[in-house]
C-alpha atoms as a PDB file:
ATOM      1  CA  ALA A   1       3.215  18.147 -22.316  1.00  0.00           C
ATOM      2  CA  PHE A   2       1.197  18.413 -18.839  1.00  0.00           C
ATOM      3  CA  GLY A   3       3.786  19.288 -16.450  1.00  0.00           C
ATOM      4  CA  TYR A   4       3.741  15.742 -14.522  1.00  0.00           C
ATOM      5  CA  ASP A   5       7.386  15.210 -13.199  1.00  0.00           C
ATOM      6  CA  THR A   6       7.325  11.688 -12.662  1.00  0.00           C
ATOM      7  CA  VAL A   7       6.397   8.541 -13.782  1.00  0.00           C
ATOM      8  CA  VAL A   8       6.394   5.351 -11.096  1.00  0.00           C
ATOM      9  CA  LEU A   9       6.020   2.124 -12.963  1.00  0.00           C
ATOM     10  CA  SER A  10       5.340  -0.679 -11.187  1.00  0.00           C
ATOM     11  CA  GLU A  11       7.129  -3.842 -10.368  1.00  0.00           C
ATOM     12  CA  GLY A  12       7.347  -6.473 -13.344  1.00  0.00           C
ATOM     13  CA  CYS A  13       6.319  -3.249 -15.871  1.00  0.00           C
ATOM     14  CA  ALA A  14       7.850  -2.922 -19.212  1.00  0.00           C
ATOM     15  CA  ASN A  15      11.264  -1.336 -19.875  1.00  0.00           C
ATOM     16  CA  PRO A  16      10.600   2.045 -19.796  1.00  0.00           C
ATOM     17  CA  TYR A  17      13.894   2.856 -21.940  1.00  0.00           C
ATOM     18  CA  GLY A  18      13.356  -0.261 -24.874  1.00  0.00           C
ATOM     19  CA  PRO A  19      13.518   1.593 -28.594  1.00  0.00           C
ATOM     20  CA  LYS A  20      10.116   1.275 -28.865  1.00  0.00           C
ATOM     21  CA  THR A  21       8.753   2.989 -26.022  1.00  0.00           C
ATOM     22  CA  VAL A  22      11.881   5.976 -26.328  1.00  0.00           C
ATOM     23  CA  ARG A  23      11.167   6.245 -29.982  1.00  0.00           C
ATOM     24  CA  SER A  24       7.116   6.841 -28.911  1.00  0.00           C
ATOM     25  CA  THR A  25       7.642   9.330 -26.162  1.00  0.00           C
ATOM     26  CA  GLN A  26       9.367  11.756 -28.985  1.00  0.00           C
ATOM     27  CA  GLY A  27      12.164  12.657 -25.950  1.00  0.00           C
ATOM     28  CA  ALA A  28       9.660  13.279 -23.282  1.00  0.00           C
ATOM     29  CA  LEU A  29      11.082  10.556 -21.704  1.00  0.00           C
ATOM     30  CA  PHE A  30      14.019  11.773 -20.836  1.00  0.00           C
ATOM     31  CA  HIS A  31      12.348  15.026 -19.178  1.00  0.00           C
ATOM     32  CA  VAL A  32      11.060  13.396 -16.336  1.00  0.00           C
ATOM     33  CA  GLY A  33      11.488  10.813 -14.275  1.00  0.00           C
ATOM     34  CA  VAL A  34      11.382   7.257 -14.338  1.00  0.00           C
ATOM     35  CA  LEU A  35      11.096   5.018 -11.704  1.00  0.00           C
ATOM     36  CA  THR A  36      10.011   1.440 -11.158  1.00  0.00           C
ATOM     37  CA  LYS A  37       9.121   0.544  -7.145  1.00  0.00           C
ATOM     38  CA  GLU A  38       6.083  -1.333  -5.298  1.00  0.00           C
ATOM     39  CA  LEU A  39       3.649   1.482  -5.617  1.00  0.00           C
ATOM     40  CA  LEU A  40       1.630   0.592  -2.184  1.00  0.00           C
ATOM     41  CA  PRO A  41       4.688   2.273  -0.062  1.00  0.00           C
ATOM     42  CA  VAL A  42       4.867   4.944  -2.908  1.00  0.00           C
ATOM     43  CA  ILE A  43       0.964   5.978  -2.364  1.00  0.00           C
ATOM     44  CA  ALA A  44       1.349   5.829   1.461  1.00  0.00           C
ATOM     45  CA  ASP A  45       4.539   7.945   0.681  1.00  0.00           C
ATOM     46  CA  LEU A  46       2.352  10.407  -1.361  1.00  0.00           C
ATOM     47  CA  LYS A  47      -0.621  10.396   0.865  1.00  0.00           C
ATOM     48  CA  ALA A  48       1.606  11.239   3.798  1.00  0.00           C
ATOM     49  CA  ARG A  49       2.960  14.677   1.855  1.00  0.00           C
ATOM     50  CA  ASN A  50      -0.826  15.048   1.230  1.00  0.00           C
ATOM     51  CA  ILE A  51      -0.383  14.339  -2.175  1.00  0.00           C
ATOM     52  CA  PRO A  52      -3.985  12.498  -3.427  1.00  0.00           C
ATOM     53  CA  VAL A  53      -4.028   9.288  -5.333  1.00  0.00           C
ATOM     54  CA  TYR A  54      -6.935   9.364  -7.554  1.00  0.00           C
ATOM     55  CA  GLY A  55      -6.897   5.389  -9.723  1.00  0.00           C
ATOM     56  CA  THR A  56      -9.116   4.756 -12.529  1.00  0.00           C
ATOM     57  CA  ALA A  57     -11.736   1.919 -12.417  1.00  0.00           C
ATOM     58  CA  LEU A  58     -14.504   0.837 -14.774  1.00  0.00           C
ATOM     59  CA  LYS A  59     -16.976   0.107 -11.678  1.00  0.00           C
ATOM     60  CA  ASP A  60     -17.960   2.137  -8.161  1.00  0.00           C
ATOM     61  CA  SER A  61     -15.760   5.331 -10.021  1.00  0.00           C
ATOM     62  CA  GLU A  62     -16.842   9.061  -9.963  1.00  0.00           C
ATOM     63  CA  ASP A  63     -16.407  11.030 -13.100  1.00  0.00           C
ATOM     64  CA  LEU A  64     -13.593  12.456 -14.380  1.00  0.00           C
ATOM     65  CA  HIS A  65     -15.527  15.989 -14.897  1.00  0.00           C
ATOM     66  CA  SER A  66     -16.136  15.947 -10.906  1.00  0.00           C
ATOM     67  CA  PHE A  67     -12.461  15.968  -9.978  1.00  0.00           C
ATOM     68  CA  ALA A  68     -11.534  19.790  -9.346  1.00  0.00           C
ATOM     69  CA  TYR A  69      -8.278  21.364 -10.315  1.00  0.00           C
ATOM     70  CA  GLN A  70      -5.614  20.526  -7.668  1.00  0.00           C
ATOM     71  CA  GLU A  71      -1.463  21.277  -7.928  1.00  0.00           C
ATOM     72  CA  LYS A  72      -0.293  18.822  -6.577  1.00  0.00           C
ATOM     73  CA  ILE A  73      -1.614  14.486  -7.474  1.00  0.00           C
ATOM     74  CA  ALA A  74      -0.792  11.649  -8.414  1.00  0.00           C
ATOM     75  CA  LEU A  75      -2.570   9.226 -10.851  1.00  0.00           C
ATOM     76  CA  ALA A  76      -2.846   5.422 -11.354  1.00  0.00           C
ATOM     77  CA  PHE A  77      -3.848   3.289 -14.101  1.00  0.00           C
ATOM     78  CA  GLY A  78      -3.519  -0.793 -13.951  1.00  0.00           C
ATOM     79  CA  THR A  79      -3.598  -2.206 -17.320  1.00  0.00           C
ATOM     80  CA  GLU A  80      -5.716  -2.868 -20.128  1.00  0.00           C
ATOM     81  CA  GLY A  81      -6.883  -6.175 -19.362  1.00  0.00           C
ATOM     82  CA  GLN A  82      -7.028  -6.069 -16.087  1.00  0.00           C
ATOM     83  CA  GLY A  83      -7.516  -2.477 -14.724  1.00  0.00           C
ATOM     84  CA  ILE A  84      -5.373  -2.061 -11.734  1.00  0.00           C
ATOM     85  CA  VAL A  85      -5.232  -4.507  -9.007  1.00  0.00           C
ATOM     86  CA  SER A  86      -7.128  -4.436  -5.711  1.00  0.00           C
ATOM     87  CA  GLY A  87      -4.675  -4.044  -3.446  1.00  0.00           C
ATOM     88  CA  ILE A  88      -2.981  -0.505  -5.521  1.00  0.00           C
ATOM     89  CA  LEU A  89      -6.979   0.428  -6.001  1.00  0.00           C
ATOM     90  CA  GLU A  90      -8.686   0.567  -2.454  1.00  0.00           C
ATOM     91  CA  ALA A  91      -5.217   2.362  -1.032  1.00  0.00           C
ATOM     92  CA  CYS A  92      -6.086   4.444  -3.665  1.00  0.00           C
ATOM     93  CA  ASP A  93      -8.035   8.447  -2.302  1.00  0.00           C
ATOM     94  CA  ARG A  94     -11.030   8.049  -4.685  1.00  0.00           C
ATOM     95  CA  LYS A  95     -11.869   6.424  -7.801  1.00  0.00           C
ATOM     96  CA  ILE A  96     -11.628   8.134 -11.211  1.00  0.00           C
ATOM     97  CA  GLY A  97     -14.363   6.930 -14.254  1.00  0.00           C
ATOM     98  CA  ILE A  98     -14.453   8.045 -17.654  1.00  0.00           C
ATOM     99  CA  PRO A  99     -17.253   8.732 -19.436  1.00  0.00           C
ATOM    100  CA  GLN A 100     -17.658   7.108 -22.693  1.00  0.00           C
ATOM    101  CA  LYS A 101     -20.151   6.439 -25.271  1.00  0.00           C
ATOM    102  CA  ASN A 102     -20.693   2.643 -26.510  1.00  0.00           C
ATOM    103  CA  PHE A 103     -17.224   1.600 -25.768  1.00  0.00           C
ATOM    104  CA  GLU A 104     -16.289  -0.622 -21.979  1.00  0.00           C
ATOM    105  CA  SER A 105     -12.685   0.688 -21.680  1.00  0.00           C
ATOM    106  CA  LEU A 106     -10.073   2.681 -22.592  1.00  0.00           C
ATOM    107  CA  ASN A 107      -6.768   2.137 -23.679  1.00  0.00           C
ATOM    108  CA  VAL A 108      -4.298   2.966 -20.840  1.00  0.00           C
ATOM    109  CA  ALA A 109      -2.295   5.286 -23.094  1.00  0.00           C
ATOM    110  CA  VAL A 110      -6.048   6.960 -24.002  1.00  0.00           C
ATOM    111  CA  SER A 111      -6.760   6.951 -20.380  1.00  0.00           C
ATOM    112  CA  ALA A 112      -3.693   8.655 -19.166  1.00  0.00           C
ATOM    113  CA  GLY A 113      -3.885  11.542 -21.254  1.00  0.00           C
ATOM    114  CA  ILE A 114      -7.185  11.902 -20.774  1.00  0.00           C
ATOM    115  CA  CYS A 115      -6.694  12.198 -17.325  1.00  0.00           C
ATOM    116  CA  ALA A 116      -3.207  14.277 -16.973  1.00  0.00           C
ATOM    117  CA  TYR A 117      -4.664  16.819 -19.293  1.00  0.00           C
ATOM    118  CA  HIS A 118      -7.937  17.249 -17.339  1.00  0.00           C
ATOM    119  CA  PHE A 119      -5.138  17.362 -13.849  1.00  0.00           C
ATOM    120  CA  ALA A 120      -3.214  19.831 -15.492  1.00  0.00           C
ATOM    121  CA  PHE A 121      -4.623  22.922 -15.719  1.00  0.00           C
ATOM    122  CA  ASP A 122      -6.025  25.432 -13.244  1.00  0.00           C
ATOM    123  CA  LYS A 123     -10.531  25.266 -13.923  1.00  0.00           C
ATOM    124  CA  ASP A 124     -10.640  28.359 -11.704  1.00  0.00           C
END
């Protein structure tokens, strides 16, 4: 819905083509590239192509509102219980924090939706 063209899943991630996943995407799954790869080489490749990689984090992060629109960007999200594994988070260029009231963290799908929306539109 926000114009992203590829989703990269880490190895060992749930099957993106499982019946419940396919149904929950309402067909959107078939309009974006879906890859399962080791993430560190993917991040290195993105950086080599001057595409910034931002990861979500609860600690030592910058408020999402301090990030400006960029035409090309990669966003990293972790599991709901543990977040992004430290090696992946350290490879990211910056850490994003989503401002919240009265909660410690958000569901990963909600976090992804908020961040994807924020970066999808030119804020100028």
